[in-house]
Amino acid sequence: MTALLYLIGIIIGATVFIYLYSSYQSGKEKLREMREPKEPPSPSVNPEIIDYFSIKREPGTRLCPLCGKELTKYEALYASEVEEQGKRKILIHGCRYCYKDQAE
């Protein structure tokens, strides 16, 4: 009878030891992961979210479609009217910043 109790005690002791040892090892791995410097996630931009018309601007301002410069309501776009296949079209040539000398 005592041999059976010893055997049960050894089995219980071995299982407790294995459980504690595996808990110790997994805790060590988690600490190592926390201490290692992580690379920041690469930025991702969804082009559907960025919209030309959703940009907050002051009233009366607009953007040049060629260079993207913000124009006030007093700055004009250079454009010409052409007729092509019986339809009148407006060709936008840009703004004063598109034609500004690079030396200035």
C-alpha atoms as a PDB file:
ATOM      1  CA  MET A   1       0.000   0.000   0.000  1.00  0.00           C
ATOM      2  CA  THR A   2       2.798   2.414   0.869  1.00  0.00           C
ATOM      3  CA  ALA A   3       4.525   1.658  -2.435  1.00  0.00           C
ATOM      4  CA  LEU A   4       1.369   2.665  -4.258  1.00  0.00           C
ATOM      5  CA  LEU A   5       1.224   5.954  -2.325  1.00  0.00           C
ATOM      6  CA  TYR A   6       4.898   6.617  -3.131  1.00  0.00           C
ATOM      7  CA  LEU A   7       4.252   5.951  -6.814  1.00  0.00           C
ATOM      8  CA  ILE A   8       1.230   8.291  -6.848  1.00  0.00           C
ATOM      9  CA  GLY A   9       3.277  10.969  -5.023  1.00  0.00           C
ATOM     10  CA  ILE A  10       6.131  10.682  -7.531  1.00  0.00           C
ATOM     11  CA  ILE A  11       3.718  10.959 -10.484  1.00  0.00           C
ATOM     12  CA  ILE A  12       1.986  14.007  -8.966  1.00  0.00           C
ATOM     13  CA  GLY A  13       5.357  15.590  -8.133  1.00  0.00           C
ATOM     14  CA  ALA A  14       6.652  15.001 -11.673  1.00  0.00           C
ATOM     15  CA  THR A  15       3.549  16.518 -13.270  1.00  0.00           C
ATOM     16  CA  VAL A  16       3.717  19.575 -10.983  1.00  0.00           C
ATOM     17  CA  PHE A  17       7.431  19.969 -11.792  1.00  0.00           C
ATOM     18  CA  ILE A  18       6.811  19.721 -15.554  1.00  0.00           C
ATOM     19  CA  TYR A  19       3.927  22.224 -15.323  1.00  0.00           C
ATOM     20  CA  LEU A  20       5.983  24.747 -13.325  1.00  0.00           C
ATOM     21  CA  TYR A  21       8.986  24.328 -15.641  1.00  0.00           C
ATOM     22  CA  SER A  22       6.890  24.935 -18.782  1.00  0.00           C
ATOM     23  CA  SER A  23       5.276  27.997 -17.147  1.00  0.00           C
ATOM     24  CA  TYR A  24       8.742  29.347 -16.322  1.00  0.00           C
ATOM     25  CA  GLN A  25       9.966  28.830 -19.906  1.00  0.00           C
ATOM     26  CA  SER A  26       6.919  30.472 -21.496  1.00  0.00           C
ATOM     27  CA  GLY A  27       7.242  33.439 -19.104  1.00  0.00           C
ATOM     28  CA  LYS A  28      10.899  33.802 -20.074  1.00  0.00           C
ATOM     29  CA  GLU A  29       9.993  33.828 -23.774  1.00  0.00           C
ATOM     30  CA  LYS A  30       7.323  36.480 -23.259  1.00  0.00           C
ATOM     31  CA  LEU A  31       9.765  38.697 -21.354  1.00  0.00           C
ATOM     32  CA  ARG A  32      12.328  38.293 -24.145  1.00  0.00           C
ATOM     33  CA  GLU A  33       9.707  39.309 -26.745  1.00  0.00           C
ATOM     34  CA  MET A  34       8.740  42.370 -24.706  1.00  0.00           C
ATOM     35  CA  ARG A  35      12.357  43.510 -24.324  1.00  0.00           C
ATOM     36  CA  GLU A  36      13.289  43.142 -27.998  1.00  0.00           C
ATOM     37  CA  PRO A  37      12.765  46.354 -29.974  1.00  0.00           C
ATOM     38  CA  LYS A  38       9.891  45.958 -32.364  1.00  0.00           C
ATOM     39  CA  GLU A  39       9.855  47.474 -35.826  1.00  0.00           C
ATOM     40  CA  PRO A  40       7.099  50.045 -36.183  1.00  0.00           C
ATOM     41  CA  PRO A  41       4.401  48.986 -38.604  1.00  0.00           C
ATOM     42  CA  SER A  42       4.860  50.334 -42.076  1.00  0.00           C
ATOM     43  CA  PRO A  43       2.488  53.188 -42.803  1.00  0.00           C
ATOM     44  CA  SER A  44      -0.263  52.342 -45.201  1.00  0.00           C
ATOM     45  CA  VAL A  45      -2.415  54.892 -46.947  1.00  0.00           C
ATOM     46  CA  ASN A  46      -5.750  54.062 -48.463  1.00  0.00           C
ATOM     47  CA  PRO A  47      -6.069  56.234 -51.589  1.00  0.00           C
ATOM     48  CA  GLU A  48      -9.854  56.023 -51.438  1.00  0.00           C
ATOM     49  CA  ILE A  49      -9.837  57.909 -48.117  1.00  0.00           C
ATOM     50  CA  ILE A  50      -7.700  60.782 -49.424  1.00  0.00           C
ATOM     51  CA  ASP A  51      -9.998  62.888 -51.530  1.00  0.00           C
ATOM     52  CA  TYR A  52      -9.263  66.090 -53.387  1.00  0.00           C
ATOM     53  CA  PHE A  53     -12.496  67.641 -52.165  1.00  0.00           C
ATOM     54  CA  SER A  54     -12.158  66.605 -48.509  1.00  0.00           C
ATOM     55  CA  ILE A  55      -9.149  68.884 -47.855  1.00  0.00           C
ATOM     56  CA  LYS A  56     -10.084  71.609 -45.382  1.00  0.00           C
ATOM     57  CA  ARG A  57      -9.468  75.033 -46.946  1.00  0.00           C
ATOM     58  CA  GLU A  58     -10.546  78.557 -46.218  1.00  0.00           C
ATOM     59  CA  PRO A  59     -13.621  79.765 -48.113  1.00  0.00           C
ATOM     60  CA  GLY A  60     -12.784  81.172 -51.538  1.00  0.00           C
ATOM     61  CA  THR A  61      -9.520  79.245 -51.939  1.00  0.00           C
ATOM     62  CA  ARG A  62      -8.931  76.557 -54.530  1.00  0.00           C
ATOM     63  CA  LEU A  63      -6.093  74.396 -55.793  1.00  0.00           C
ATOM     64  CA  CYS A  64      -4.306  74.605 -59.115  1.00  0.00           C
ATOM     65  CA  PRO A  65      -4.952  71.274 -60.878  1.00  0.00           C
ATOM     66  CA  LEU A  66      -1.447  71.229 -62.389  1.00  0.00           C
ATOM     67  CA  CYS A  67       0.945  72.192 -59.586  1.00  0.00           C
ATOM     68  CA  GLY A  68      -1.313  71.814 -56.535  1.00  0.00           C
ATOM     69  CA  LYS A  69      -0.619  75.309 -55.191  1.00  0.00           C
ATOM     70  CA  GLU A  70      -3.399  76.806 -53.080  1.00  0.00           C
ATOM     71  CA  LEU A  71      -4.791  79.895 -54.784  1.00  0.00           C
ATOM     72  CA  THR A  72      -6.775  82.714 -53.231  1.00  0.00           C
ATOM     73  CA  LYS A  73      -9.935  83.971 -54.849  1.00  0.00           C
ATOM     74  CA  TYR A  74      -7.924  86.843 -56.405  1.00  0.00           C
ATOM     75  CA  GLU A  75      -5.385  84.592 -58.174  1.00  0.00           C
ATOM     76  CA  ALA A  76      -6.525  83.371 -61.571  1.00  0.00           C
ATOM     77  CA  LEU A  77      -5.977  80.199 -63.512  1.00  0.00           C
ATOM     78  CA  TYR A  78      -4.694  80.538 -67.075  1.00  0.00           C
ATOM     79  CA  ALA A  79      -7.126  78.832 -69.430  1.00  0.00           C
ATOM     80  CA  SER A  80      -8.308  78.944 -73.004  1.00  0.00           C
ATOM     81  CA  GLU A  81     -11.517  77.931 -74.696  1.00  0.00           C
ATOM     82  CA  VAL A  82     -11.312  75.584 -77.681  1.00  0.00           C
ATOM     83  CA  GLU A  83     -13.913  73.947 -79.863  1.00  0.00           C
ATOM     84  CA  GLU A  84     -13.342  70.309 -80.670  1.00  0.00           C
ATOM     85  CA  GLN A  85     -15.790  68.140 -82.648  1.00  0.00           C
ATOM     86  CA  GLY A  86     -18.546  70.672 -82.119  1.00  0.00           C
ATOM     87  CA  LYS A  87     -18.049  70.793 -78.341  1.00  0.00           C
ATOM     88  CA  ARG A  88     -16.627  73.732 -76.459  1.00  0.00           C
ATOM     89  CA  LYS A  89     -13.925  72.768 -73.989  1.00  0.00           C
ATOM     90  CA  ILE A  90     -11.807  74.701 -71.521  1.00  0.00           C
ATOM     91  CA  LEU A  91      -8.099  73.875 -71.405  1.00  0.00           C
ATOM     92  CA  ILE A  92      -6.436  74.846 -68.125  1.00  0.00           C
ATOM     93  CA  HIS A  93      -2.816  75.888 -68.626  1.00  0.00           C
ATOM     94  CA  GLY A  94      -1.978  76.444 -64.953  1.00  0.00           C
ATOM     95  CA  CYS A  95      -1.519  79.329 -62.549  1.00  0.00           C
ATOM     96  CA  ARG A  96       1.147  81.963 -62.016  1.00  0.00           C
ATOM     97  CA  TYR A  97       3.149  79.538 -59.852  1.00  0.00           C
ATOM     98  CA  CYS A  98       3.330  77.020 -62.699  1.00  0.00           C
ATOM     99  CA  TYR A  99       5.068  79.615 -64.889  1.00  0.00           C
ATOM    100  CA  LYS A 100       7.202  81.217 -62.178  1.00  0.00           C
ATOM    101  CA  ASP A 101      10.929  81.304 -62.925  1.00  0.00           C
ATOM    102  CA  GLN A 102      12.938  78.762 -60.957  1.00  0.00           C
ATOM    103  CA  ALA A 103      15.658  81.370 -60.219  1.00  0.00           C
ATOM    104  CA  GLU A 104      13.361  83.512 -58.075  1.00  0.00           C
END
